Structure formats: C-alpha cells, structure tokens
Amino acid sequence: VNGVELGGGSIRIHDQALQAKMFEVLGFTKEEAEKQFGFLMGAFKYGAPPHGGVAFGFDRLAAMFGGTDSIRDYIAFPKNNAGKDLMIDSPSTIAHEQLKELGLAVKKE
C-alpha cells in the first residue's frame, strides 16, 4: 500500500526432483534428506499441486497507520540480532535446581 510492503509469500516446491536438488544444494546427503524429509519425498511420488502461501505483517500495517517507516515500535516480541529478548532476558541459563526439579539434564555434545 503506497509503496509499503505489508506482507510476503511464496510458491512452495511441489516437484520431487527439484526438492531433491535443493537438499543437495543445502548440503544434505541423500541419507540425511531421507531420514529427515523422507515423508515429504514419499508424498511427492503421488503428486502435489502447485501451492503457496501469503501472510500479512500486522506490525507493518500498524507502523503504516502510525505514520512511521520503522516497525521497531510495533513488534510485539522484539529480539536483537542474536535472537535474545532483552526485556525478559530470554533465552537464559536454567538453574540446576530447576533442571533437577523437572527431571531434565543439559548435555554438551
């Protein structure tokens, strides 16, 4: 609207050969792709129609109505470039007591 992008979308891959090539380009071995996405590749054998999606950005619409070029003040749950929410210090380290109480363990690989 008035030169402002309010949403985005795309057409999804619906061809098995193209999807296999994309996995290859992304660095997946055939075995890794089969293990993680075998269900998808199997479904493509039966055919999939062209399909896609579109979504509107409510934050962008609110910024436009608010008369600003930045969506910064309209993002409900802002994160910094490291993916951290500085308002609630998330994600944060979990206390050992909490992990024990919940029966969880954090293991380094």
PDB file of N, CA and C in Angstrom:
ATOM      1  N   VAL A   1       0.847  -1.155   0.000  1.00  0.00           N
ATOM      2  CA  VAL A   1       0.000   0.000   0.000  1.00  0.00           C
ATOM      3  C   VAL A   1       0.902   1.231   0.000  1.00  0.00           C
ATOM      4  N   ASN A   2       0.715   2.097  -0.953  1.00  0.00           N
ATOM      5  CA  ASN A   2       1.522   3.317  -1.062  1.00  0.00           C
ATOM      6  C   ASN A   2       3.027   3.035  -1.012  1.00  0.00           C
ATOM      7  N   GLY A   3       3.441   1.952  -1.642  1.00  0.00           N
ATOM      8  CA  GLY A   3       4.859   1.605  -1.692  1.00  0.00           C
ATOM      9  C   GLY A   3       5.398   0.913  -0.455  1.00  0.00           C
ATOM     10  N   VAL A   4       4.534   0.537   0.479  1.00  0.00           N
ATOM     11  CA  VAL A   4       4.952  -0.148   1.705  1.00  0.00           C
ATOM     12  C   VAL A   4       4.611  -1.626   1.588  1.00  0.00           C
ATOM     13  N   GLU A   5       5.608  -2.482   1.813  1.00  0.00           N
ATOM     14  CA  GLU A   5       5.368  -3.925   1.783  1.00  0.00           C
ATOM     15  C   GLU A   5       4.649  -4.320   3.063  1.00  0.00           C
ATOM     16  N   LEU A   6       3.462  -4.881   2.926  1.00  0.00           N
ATOM     17  CA  LEU A   6       2.666  -5.257   4.091  1.00  0.00           C
ATOM     18  C   LEU A   6       2.635  -6.757   4.340  1.00  0.00           C
ATOM     19  N   GLY A   7       3.174  -7.524   3.430  1.00  0.00           N
ATOM     20  CA  GLY A   7       3.154  -8.968   3.600  1.00  0.00           C
ATOM     21  C   GLY A   7       4.122  -9.624   2.652  1.00  0.00           C
ATOM     22  N   GLY A   8       4.150 -10.915   2.715  1.00  0.00           N
ATOM     23  CA  GLY A   8       5.026 -11.676   1.837  1.00  0.00           C
ATOM     24  C   GLY A   8       4.457 -13.055   1.610  1.00  0.00           C
ATOM     25  N   GLY A   9       5.010 -13.730   0.649  1.00  0.00           N
ATOM     26  CA  GLY A   9       4.549 -15.073   0.362  1.00  0.00           C
ATOM     27  C   GLY A   9       5.444 -15.743  -0.652  1.00  0.00           C
ATOM     28  N   SER A  10       5.128 -16.983  -0.938  1.00  0.00           N
ATOM     29  CA  SER A  10       5.916 -17.721  -1.918  1.00  0.00           C
ATOM     30  C   SER A  10       5.142 -18.921  -2.424  1.00  0.00           C
ATOM     31  N   ILE A  11       5.613 -19.440  -3.524  1.00  0.00           N
ATOM     32  CA  ILE A  11       5.110 -20.708  -4.043  1.00  0.00           C
ATOM     33  C   ILE A  11       6.065 -21.780  -3.546  1.00  0.00           C
ATOM     34  N   ARG A  12       5.540 -22.835  -2.979  1.00  0.00           N
ATOM     35  CA  ARG A  12       6.349 -23.908  -2.414  1.00  0.00           C
ATOM     36  C   ARG A  12       6.810 -24.865  -3.510  1.00  0.00           C
ATOM     37  N   ILE A  13       7.876 -25.580  -3.218  1.00  0.00           N
ATOM     38  CA  ILE A  13       8.357 -26.604  -4.145  1.00  0.00           C
ATOM     39  C   ILE A  13       7.352 -27.748  -4.146  1.00  0.00           C
ATOM     40  N   HIS A  14       6.936 -28.162  -5.332  1.00  0.00           N
ATOM     41  CA  HIS A  14       5.974 -29.254  -5.439  1.00  0.00           C
ATOM     42  C   HIS A  14       6.457 -30.344  -6.396  1.00  0.00           C
ATOM     43  N   ASP A  15       7.743 -30.301  -6.740  1.00  0.00           N
ATOM     44  CA  ASP A  15       8.335 -31.270  -7.658  1.00  0.00           C
ATOM     45  C   ASP A  15       9.428 -32.044  -6.916  1.00  0.00           C
ATOM     46  N   GLN A  16       9.333 -33.375  -6.926  1.00  0.00           N
ATOM     47  CA  GLN A  16      10.265 -34.213  -6.177  1.00  0.00           C
ATOM     48  C   GLN A  16      11.713 -34.009  -6.620  1.00  0.00           C
ATOM     49  N   ALA A  17      11.966 -33.934  -7.917  1.00  0.00           N
ATOM     50  CA  ALA A  17      13.331 -33.771  -8.422  1.00  0.00           C
ATOM     51  C   ALA A  17      13.922 -32.426  -7.988  1.00  0.00           C
ATOM     52  N   LEU A  18      13.127 -31.380  -8.044  1.00  0.00           N
ATOM     53  CA  LEU A  18      13.600 -30.061  -7.623  1.00  0.00           C
ATOM     54  C   LEU A  18      13.892 -30.046  -6.127  1.00  0.00           C
ATOM     55  N   GLN A  19      13.025 -30.676  -5.333  1.00  0.00           N
ATOM     56  CA  GLN A  19      13.254 -30.720  -3.885  1.00  0.00           C
ATOM     57  C   GLN A  19      14.525 -31.498  -3.572  1.00  0.00           C
ATOM     58  N   ALA A  20      14.755 -32.602  -4.270  1.00  0.00           N
ATOM     59  CA  ALA A  20      15.977 -33.385  -4.070  1.00  0.00           C
ATOM     60  C   ALA A  20      17.208 -32.546  -4.399  1.00  0.00           C
ATOM     61  N   LYS A  21      17.137 -31.770  -5.466  1.00  0.00           N
ATOM     62  CA  LYS A  21      18.247 -30.896  -5.852  1.00  0.00           C
ATOM     63  C   LYS A  21      18.485 -29.825  -4.781  1.00  0.00           C
ATOM     64  N   MET A  22      17.419 -29.285  -4.213  1.00  0.00           N
ATOM     65  CA  MET A  22      17.552 -28.271  -3.165  1.00  0.00           C
ATOM     66  C   MET A  22      18.245 -28.855  -1.930  1.00  0.00           C
ATOM     67  N   PHE A  23      17.888 -30.087  -1.557  1.00  0.00           N
ATOM     68  CA  PHE A  23      18.561 -30.728  -0.431  1.00  0.00           C
ATOM     69  C   PHE A  23      20.048 -30.878  -0.722  1.00  0.00           C
ATOM     70  N   GLU A  24      20.375 -31.237  -1.958  1.00  0.00           N
ATOM     71  CA  GLU A  24      21.771 -31.381  -2.373  1.00  0.00           C
ATOM     72  C   GLU A  24      22.505 -30.039  -2.264  1.00  0.00           C
ATOM     73  N   VAL A  25      21.885 -28.983  -2.768  1.00  0.00           N
ATOM     74  CA  VAL A  25      22.484 -27.644  -2.711  1.00  0.00           C
ATOM     75  C   VAL A  25      22.687 -27.199  -1.260  1.00  0.00           C
ATOM     76  N   LEU A  26      21.765 -27.582  -0.387  1.00  0.00           N
ATOM     77  CA  LEU A  26      21.854 -27.214   1.029  1.00  0.00           C
ATOM     78  C   LEU A  26      22.864 -28.060   1.803  1.00  0.00           C
ATOM     79  N   GLY A  27      23.445 -29.056   1.135  1.00  0.00           N
ATOM     80  CA  GLY A  27      24.483 -29.861   1.763  1.00  0.00           C
ATOM     81  C   GLY A  27      24.013 -31.132   2.431  1.00  0.00           C
ATOM     82  N   PHE A  28      22.765 -31.517   2.221  1.00  0.00           N
ATOM     83  CA  PHE A  28      22.267 -32.769   2.775  1.00  0.00           C
ATOM     84  C   PHE A  28      22.769 -33.931   1.930  1.00  0.00           C
ATOM     85  N   THR A  29      23.169 -35.018   2.582  1.00  0.00           N
ATOM     86  CA  THR A  29      23.424 -36.243   1.833  1.00  0.00           C
ATOM     87  C   THR A  29      22.061 -36.853   1.524  1.00  0.00           C
ATOM     88  N   LYS A  30      22.031 -37.804   0.608  1.00  0.00           N
ATOM     89  CA  LYS A  30      20.749 -38.457   0.292  1.00  0.00           C
ATOM     90  C   LYS A  30      20.190 -39.147   1.527  1.00  0.00           C
ATOM     91  N   GLU A  31      21.091 -39.715   2.335  1.00  0.00           N
ATOM     92  CA  GLU A  31      20.658 -40.411   3.548  1.00  0.00           C
ATOM     93  C   GLU A  31      20.065 -39.435   4.571  1.00  0.00           C
ATOM     94  N   GLU A  32      20.724 -38.287   4.748  1.00  0.00           N
ATOM     95  CA  GLU A  32      20.212 -37.279   5.688  1.00  0.00           C
ATOM     96  C   GLU A  32      18.859 -36.744   5.236  1.00  0.00           C
ATOM     97  N   ALA A  33      18.745 -36.465   3.947  1.00  0.00           N
ATOM     98  CA  ALA A  33      17.478 -35.951   3.414  1.00  0.00           C
ATOM     99  C   ALA A  33      16.370 -36.976   3.599  1.00  0.00           C
ATOM    100  N   GLU A  34      16.682 -38.239   3.364  1.00  0.00           N
ATOM    101  CA  GLU A  34      15.680 -39.297   3.519  1.00  0.00           C
ATOM    102  C   GLU A  34      15.273 -39.436   4.984  1.00  0.00           C
ATOM    103  N   LYS A  35      16.248 -39.378   5.873  1.00  0.00           N
ATOM    104  CA  LYS A  35      15.957 -39.529   7.301  1.00  0.00           C
ATOM    105  C   LYS A  35      15.078 -38.392   7.819  1.00  0.00           C
ATOM    106  N   GLN A  36      15.376 -37.159   7.400  1.00  0.00           N
ATOM    107  CA  GLN A  36      14.650 -36.006   7.923  1.00  0.00           C
ATOM    108  C   GLN A  36      13.402 -35.646   7.131  1.00  0.00           C
ATOM    109  N   PHE A  37      13.417 -35.940   5.825  1.00  0.00           N
ATOM    110  CA  PHE A  37      12.320 -35.485   4.972  1.00  0.00           C
ATOM    111  C   PHE A  37      11.763 -36.585   4.082  1.00  0.00           C
ATOM    112  N   GLY A  38      11.981 -37.839   4.461  1.00  0.00           N
ATOM    113  CA  GLY A  38      11.500 -38.956   3.655  1.00  0.00           C
ATOM    114  C   GLY A  38       9.992 -38.926   3.454  1.00  0.00           C
ATOM    115  N   PHE A  39       9.275 -38.505   4.484  1.00  0.00           N
ATOM    116  CA  PHE A  39       7.815 -38.412   4.389  1.00  0.00           C
ATOM    117  C   PHE A  39       7.392 -37.469   3.269  1.00  0.00           C
ATOM    118  N   LEU A  40       8.114 -36.368   3.131  1.00  0.00           N
ATOM    119  CA  LEU A  40       7.796 -35.374   2.109  1.00  0.00           C
ATOM    120  C   LEU A  40       8.114 -35.912   0.721  1.00  0.00           C
ATOM    121  N   MET A  41       9.309 -36.484   0.586  1.00  0.00           N
ATOM    122  CA  MET A  41       9.713 -37.011  -0.717  1.00  0.00           C
ATOM    123  C   MET A  41       8.800 -38.154  -1.138  1.00  0.00           C
ATOM    124  N   GLY A  42       8.376 -38.958  -0.178  1.00  0.00           N
ATOM    125  CA  GLY A  42       7.442 -40.042  -0.479  1.00  0.00           C
ATOM    126  C   GLY A  42       6.101 -39.510  -0.952  1.00  0.00           C
ATOM    127  N   ALA A  43       5.635 -38.442  -0.340  1.00  0.00           N
ATOM    128  CA  ALA A  43       4.357 -37.843  -0.735  1.00  0.00           C
ATOM    129  C   ALA A  43       4.427 -37.277  -2.144  1.00  0.00           C
ATOM    130  N   PHE A  44       5.586 -36.739  -2.527  1.00  0.00           N
ATOM    131  CA  PHE A  44       5.741 -36.184  -3.875  1.00  0.00           C
ATOM    132  C   PHE A  44       5.566 -37.248  -4.952  1.00  0.00           C
ATOM    133  N   LYS A  45       5.805 -38.502  -4.620  1.00  0.00           N
ATOM    134  CA  LYS A  45       5.638 -39.583  -5.607  1.00  0.00           C
ATOM    135  C   LYS A  45       4.193 -39.660  -6.092  1.00  0.00           C
ATOM    136  N   TYR A  46       3.267 -39.240  -5.243  1.00  0.00           N
ATOM    137  CA  TYR A  46       1.849 -39.289  -5.599  1.00  0.00           C
ATOM    138  C   TYR A  46       1.374 -37.994  -6.238  1.00  0.00           C
ATOM    139  N   GLY A  47       2.254 -37.019  -6.301  1.00  0.00           N
ATOM    140  CA  GLY A  47       1.913 -35.747  -6.929  1.00  0.00           C
ATOM    141  C   GLY A  47       1.439 -34.720  -5.925  1.00  0.00           C
ATOM    142  N   ALA A  48       1.826 -33.509  -6.165  1.00  0.00           N
ATOM    143  CA  ALA A  48       1.397 -32.391  -5.324  1.00  0.00           C
ATOM    144  C   ALA A  48       1.094 -31.221  -6.242  1.00  0.00           C
ATOM    145  N   PRO A  49      -0.030 -30.585  -6.064  1.00  0.00           N
ATOM    146  CA  PRO A  49      -0.349 -29.437  -6.915  1.00  0.00           C
ATOM    147  C   PRO A  49       0.507 -28.236  -6.535  1.00  0.00           C
ATOM    148  N   PRO A  50       0.686 -27.309  -7.447  1.00  0.00           N
ATOM    149  CA  PRO A  50       1.363 -26.065  -7.064  1.00  0.00           C
ATOM    150  C   PRO A  50       0.609 -25.432  -5.893  1.00  0.00           C
ATOM    151  N   HIS A  51       1.346 -25.021  -4.887  1.00  0.00           N
ATOM    152  CA  HIS A  51       0.722 -24.444  -3.704  1.00  0.00           C
ATOM    153  C   HIS A  51       1.651 -23.400  -3.104  1.00  0.00           C
ATOM    154  N   GLY A  52       1.090 -22.520  -2.333  1.00  0.00           N
ATOM    155  CA  GLY A  52       1.880 -21.449  -1.741  1.00  0.00           C
ATOM    156  C   GLY A  52       1.158 -20.835  -0.571  1.00  0.00           C
ATOM    157  N   GLY A  53       1.683 -19.720  -0.151  1.00  0.00           N
ATOM    158  CA  GLY A  53       1.076 -19.046   0.982  1.00  0.00           C
ATOM    159  C   GLY A  53       1.416 -17.576   0.975  1.00  0.00           C
ATOM    160  N   VAL A  54       0.616 -16.837   1.703  1.00  0.00           N
ATOM    161  CA  VAL A  54       0.847 -15.402   1.851  1.00  0.00           C
ATOM    162  C   VAL A  54       0.455 -15.022   3.277  1.00  0.00           C
ATOM    163  N   ALA A  55       1.174 -14.081   3.837  1.00  0.00           N
ATOM    164  CA  ALA A  55       0.865 -13.618   5.192  1.00  0.00           C
ATOM    165  C   ALA A  55       1.069 -12.111   5.252  1.00  0.00           C
ATOM    166  N   PHE A  56       0.190 -11.460   5.961  1.00  0.00           N
ATOM    167  CA  PHE A  56       0.304 -10.023   6.142  1.00  0.00           C
ATOM    168  C   PHE A  56       0.986  -9.741   7.475  1.00  0.00           C
ATOM    169  N   GLY A  57       1.815  -8.722   7.504  1.00  0.00           N
ATOM    170  CA  GLY A  57       2.517  -8.342   8.724  1.00  0.00           C
ATOM    171  C   GLY A  57       1.732  -7.285   9.475  1.00  0.00           C
ATOM    172  N   PHE A  58       1.115  -7.690  10.579  1.00  0.00           N
ATOM    173  CA  PHE A  58       0.325  -6.751  11.364  1.00  0.00           C
ATOM    174  C   PHE A  58       1.194  -5.609  11.881  1.00  0.00           C
ATOM    175  N   ASP A  59       2.458  -5.923  12.237  1.00  0.00           N
ATOM    176  CA  ASP A  59       3.358  -4.874  12.720  1.00  0.00           C
ATOM    177  C   ASP A  59       3.619  -3.833  11.639  1.00  0.00           C
ATOM    178  N   ARG A  60       3.736  -4.259  10.397  1.00  0.00           N
ATOM    179  CA  ARG A  60       3.955  -3.321   9.288  1.00  0.00           C
ATOM    180  C   ARG A  60       2.719  -2.451   9.049  1.00  0.00           C
ATOM    181  N   LEU A  61       1.554  -3.073   9.139  1.00  0.00           N
ATOM    182  CA  LEU A  61       0.308  -2.332   8.960  1.00  0.00           C
ATOM    183  C   LEU A  61       0.143  -1.297  10.080  1.00  0.00           C
ATOM    184  N   ALA A  62       0.439  -1.696  11.319  1.00  0.00           N
ATOM    185  CA  ALA A  62       0.334  -0.772  12.450  1.00  0.00           C
ATOM    186  C   ALA A  62       1.313   0.391  12.303  1.00  0.00           C
ATOM    187  N   ALA A  63       2.532   0.103  11.840  1.00  0.00           N
ATOM    188  CA  ALA A  63       3.525   1.165  11.641  1.00  0.00           C
ATOM    189  C   ALA A  63       3.052   2.142  10.572  1.00  0.00           C
ATOM    190  N   MET A  64       2.447   1.608   9.508  1.00  0.00           N
ATOM    191  CA  MET A  64       1.955   2.477   8.446  1.00  0.00           C
ATOM    192  C   MET A  64       0.842   3.385   8.981  1.00  0.00           C
ATOM    193  N   PHE A  65      -0.097   2.802   9.732  1.00  0.00           N
ATOM    194  CA  PHE A  65      -1.176   3.608  10.306  1.00  0.00           C
ATOM    195  C   PHE A  65      -0.639   4.597  11.337  1.00  0.00           C
ATOM    196  N   GLY A  66       0.467   4.243  12.000  1.00  0.00           N
ATOM    197  CA  GLY A  66       1.076   5.125  12.987  1.00  0.00           C
ATOM    198  C   GLY A  66       1.933   6.214  12.369  1.00  0.00           C
ATOM    199  N   GLY A  67       2.097   6.158  11.050  1.00  0.00           N
ATOM    200  CA  GLY A  67       2.835   7.200  10.350  1.00  0.00           C
ATOM    201  C   GLY A  67       4.343   7.115  10.480  1.00  0.00           C
ATOM    202  N   THR A  68       4.874   5.916  10.679  1.00  0.00           N
ATOM    203  CA  THR A  68       6.326   5.763  10.801  1.00  0.00           C
ATOM    204  C   THR A  68       6.843   4.763   9.771  1.00  0.00           C
ATOM    205  N   ASP A  69       8.123   4.872   9.451  1.00  0.00           N
ATOM    206  CA  ASP A  69       8.737   3.954   8.493  1.00  0.00           C
ATOM    207  C   ASP A  69       9.315   2.721   9.170  1.00  0.00           C
ATOM    208  N   SER A  70       9.456   2.761  10.479  1.00  0.00           N
ATOM    209  CA  SER A  70      10.076   1.661  11.212  1.00  0.00           C
ATOM    210  C   SER A  70       9.025   0.838  11.940  1.00  0.00           C
ATOM    211  N   ILE A  71       9.203  -0.485  11.908  1.00  0.00           N
ATOM    212  CA  ILE A  71       8.286  -1.358  12.647  1.00  0.00           C
ATOM    213  C   ILE A  71       8.802  -1.633  14.056  1.00  0.00           C
ATOM    214  N   ARG A  72       9.940  -1.076  14.401  1.00  0.00           N
ATOM    215  CA  ARG A  72      10.583  -1.348  15.693  1.00  0.00           C
ATOM    216  C   ARG A  72       9.636  -1.142  16.880  1.00  0.00           C
ATOM    217  N   ASP A  73       8.853  -0.084  16.871  1.00  0.00           N
ATOM    218  CA  ASP A  73       7.957   0.198  17.997  1.00  0.00           C
ATOM    219  C   ASP A  73       6.668  -0.613  17.955  1.00  0.00           C
ATOM    220  N   TYR A  74       6.501  -1.432  16.934  1.00  0.00           N
ATOM    221  CA  TYR A  74       5.249  -2.165  16.768  1.00  0.00           C
ATOM    222  C   TYR A  74       5.426  -3.676  16.845  1.00  0.00           C
ATOM    223  N   ILE A  75       6.648  -4.133  17.083  1.00  0.00           N
ATOM    224  CA  ILE A  75       6.893  -5.569  17.177  1.00  0.00           C
ATOM    225  C   ILE A  75       6.519  -6.025  18.584  1.00  0.00           C
ATOM    226  N   ALA A  76       5.630  -7.006  18.671  1.00  0.00           N
ATOM    227  CA  ALA A  76       5.120  -7.442  19.969  1.00  0.00           C
ATOM    228  C   ALA A  76       6.191  -8.100  20.836  1.00  0.00           C
ATOM    229  N   PHE A  77       7.054  -8.904  20.236  1.00  0.00           N
ATOM    230  CA  PHE A  77       8.073  -9.628  20.989  1.00  0.00           C
ATOM    231  C   PHE A  77       9.431  -9.397  20.336  1.00  0.00           C
ATOM    232  N   PRO A  78      10.041  -8.220  20.562  1.00  0.00           N
ATOM    233  CA  PRO A  78      11.283  -7.875  19.855  1.00  0.00           C
ATOM    234  C   PRO A  78      12.468  -8.726  20.302  1.00  0.00           C
ATOM    235  N   LYS A  79      13.332  -9.039  19.357  1.00  0.00           N
ATOM    236  CA  LYS A  79      14.573  -9.766  19.610  1.00  0.00           C
ATOM    237  C   LYS A  79      15.720  -8.959  19.010  1.00  0.00           C
ATOM    238  N   ASN A  80      16.906  -9.109  19.580  1.00  0.00           N
ATOM    239  CA  ASN A  80      18.061  -8.451  18.979  1.00  0.00           C
ATOM    240  C   ASN A  80      18.651  -9.351  17.899  1.00  0.00           C
ATOM    241  N   ASN A  81      19.777  -8.937  17.307  1.00  0.00           N
ATOM    242  CA  ASN A  81      20.329  -9.714  16.199  1.00  0.00           C
ATOM    243  C   ASN A  81      20.899 -11.057  16.641  1.00  0.00           C
ATOM    244  N   ALA A  82      21.009 -11.299  17.940  1.00  0.00           N
ATOM    245  CA  ALA A  82      21.458 -12.594  18.451  1.00  0.00           C
ATOM    246  C   ALA A  82      20.272 -13.471  18.854  1.00  0.00           C
ATOM    247  N   GLY A  83      19.043 -13.010  18.576  1.00  0.00           N
ATOM    248  CA  GLY A  83      17.848 -13.780  18.921  1.00  0.00           C
ATOM    249  C   GLY A  83      17.501 -13.720  20.398  1.00  0.00           C
ATOM    250  N   LYS A  84      17.972 -12.712  21.097  1.00  0.00           N
ATOM    251  CA  LYS A  84      17.728 -12.587  22.534  1.00  0.00           C
ATOM    252  C   LYS A  84      16.693 -11.504  22.804  1.00  0.00           C
ATOM    253  N   ASP A  85      15.762 -11.805  23.691  1.00  0.00           N
ATOM    254  CA  ASP A  85      14.764 -10.831  24.124  1.00  0.00           C
ATOM    255  C   ASP A  85      15.311 -10.136  25.364  1.00  0.00           C
ATOM    256  N   LEU A  86      15.756  -8.897  25.209  1.00  0.00           N
ATOM    257  CA  LEU A  86      16.387  -8.170  26.304  1.00  0.00           C
ATOM    258  C   LEU A  86      15.394  -7.735  27.375  1.00  0.00           C
ATOM    259  N   MET A  87      14.101  -7.696  27.045  1.00  0.00           N
ATOM    260  CA  MET A  87      13.102  -7.259  28.016  1.00  0.00           C
ATOM    261  C   MET A  87      12.887  -8.306  29.104  1.00  0.00           C
ATOM    262  N   ILE A  88      12.979  -9.574  28.745  1.00  0.00           N
ATOM    263  CA  ILE A  88      12.755 -10.635  29.733  1.00  0.00           C
ATOM    264  C   ILE A  88      13.965 -11.556  29.868  1.00  0.00           C
ATOM    265  N   ASP A  89      15.114 -11.126  29.319  1.00  0.00           N
ATOM    266  CA  ASP A  89      16.357 -11.893  29.388  1.00  0.00           C
ATOM    267  C   ASP A  89      16.135 -13.340  28.957  1.00  0.00           C
ATOM    268  N   SER A  90      15.650 -13.499  27.763  1.00  0.00           N
ATOM    269  CA  SER A  90      15.355 -14.825  27.238  1.00  0.00           C
ATOM    270  C   SER A  90      16.055 -15.018  25.897  1.00  0.00           C
ATOM    271  N   PRO A  91      16.604 -16.145  25.574  1.00  0.00           N
ATOM    272  CA  PRO A  91      16.749 -17.296  26.466  1.00  0.00           C
ATOM    273  C   PRO A  91      17.828 -17.044  27.509  1.00  0.00           C
ATOM    274  N   SER A  92      17.700 -17.709  28.644  1.00  0.00           N
ATOM    275  CA  SER A  92      18.668 -17.547  29.724  1.00  0.00           C
ATOM    276  C   SER A  92      19.074 -18.921  30.243  1.00  0.00           C
ATOM    277  N   THR A  93      20.117 -18.937  31.046  1.00  0.00           N
ATOM    278  CA  THR A  93      20.591 -20.184  31.633  1.00  0.00           C
ATOM    279  C   THR A  93      19.577 -20.673  32.659  1.00  0.00           C
ATOM    280  N   ILE A  94      19.327 -21.963  32.642  1.00  0.00           N
ATOM    281  CA  ILE A  94      18.379 -22.559  33.584  1.00  0.00           C
ATOM    282  C   ILE A  94      19.144 -23.005  34.824  1.00  0.00           C
ATOM    283  N   ALA A  95      18.620 -22.675  35.980  1.00  0.00           N
ATOM    284  CA  ALA A  95      19.260 -23.051  37.239  1.00  0.00           C
ATOM    285  C   ALA A  95      19.267 -24.568  37.399  1.00  0.00           C
ATOM    286  N   HIS A  96      20.345 -25.087  38.002  1.00  0.00           N
ATOM    287  CA  HIS A  96      20.475 -26.529  38.224  1.00  0.00           C
ATOM    288  C   HIS A  96      19.286 -27.067  39.031  1.00  0.00           C
ATOM    289  N   GLU A  97      18.827 -26.285  39.998  1.00  0.00           N
ATOM    290  CA  GLU A  97      17.695 -26.712  40.833  1.00  0.00           C
ATOM    291  C   GLU A  97      16.433 -26.911  39.994  1.00  0.00           C
ATOM    292  N   GLN A  98      16.211 -26.010  39.032  1.00  0.00           N
ATOM    293  CA  GLN A  98      15.040 -26.141  38.156  1.00  0.00           C
ATOM    294  C   GLN A  98      15.141 -27.396  37.307  1.00  0.00           C
ATOM    295  N   LEU A  99      16.319 -27.631  36.747  1.00  0.00           N
ATOM    296  CA  LEU A  99      16.515 -28.825  35.929  1.00  0.00           C
ATOM    297  C   LEU A  99      16.257 -30.087  36.745  1.00  0.00           C
ATOM    298  N   LYS A 100      16.794 -30.121  37.959  1.00  0.00           N
ATOM    299  CA  LYS A 100      16.616 -31.287  38.831  1.00  0.00           C
ATOM    300  C   LYS A 100      15.140 -31.494  39.161  1.00  0.00           C
ATOM    301  N   GLU A 101      14.451 -30.408  39.487  1.00  0.00           N
ATOM    302  CA  GLU A 101      13.028 -30.469  39.833  1.00  0.00           C
ATOM    303  C   GLU A 101      12.187 -31.028  38.689  1.00  0.00           C
ATOM    304  N   LEU A 102      12.572 -30.678  37.462  1.00  0.00           N
ATOM    305  CA  LEU A 102      11.822 -31.117  36.286  1.00  0.00           C
ATOM    306  C   LEU A 102      12.327 -32.437  35.709  1.00  0.00           C
ATOM    307  N   GLY A 103      13.390 -32.966  36.293  1.00  0.00           N
ATOM    308  CA  GLY A 103      13.937 -34.230  35.798  1.00  0.00           C
ATOM    309  C   GLY A 103      14.615 -34.085  34.448  1.00  0.00           C
ATOM    310  N   LEU A 104      15.243 -32.924  34.217  1.00  0.00           N
ATOM    311  CA  LEU A 104      15.903 -32.653  32.940  1.00  0.00           C
ATOM    312  C   LEU A 104      17.406 -32.542  33.129  1.00  0.00           C
ATOM    313  N   ALA A 105      18.132 -32.728  32.033  1.00  0.00           N
ATOM    314  CA  ALA A 105      19.583 -32.566  32.044  1.00  0.00           C
ATOM    315  C   ALA A 105      20.004 -31.874  30.765  1.00  0.00           C
ATOM    316  N   VAL A 106      21.010 -31.017  30.869  1.00  0.00           N
ATOM    317  CA  VAL A 106      21.577 -30.350  29.703  1.00  0.00           C
ATOM    318  C   VAL A 106      22.919 -31.011  29.431  1.00  0.00           C
ATOM    319  N   LYS A 107      23.068 -31.555  28.229  1.00  0.00           N
ATOM    320  CA  LYS A 107      24.303 -32.253  27.877  1.00  0.00           C
ATOM    321  C   LYS A 107      24.990 -31.538  26.736  1.00  0.00           C
ATOM    322  N   LYS A 108      26.296 -31.388  26.850  1.00  0.00           N
ATOM    323  CA  LYS A 108      27.083 -30.799  25.768  1.00  0.00           C
ATOM    324  C   LYS A 108      27.469 -31.908  24.809  1.00  0.00           C
ATOM    325  N   GLU A 109      27.366 -31.617  23.521  1.00  0.00           N
ATOM    326  CA  GLU A 109      27.711 -32.631  22.518  1.00  0.00           C
ATOM    327  C   GLU A 109      29.158 -32.513  22.131  1.00  0.00           C
TER     328      GLU A 109
END
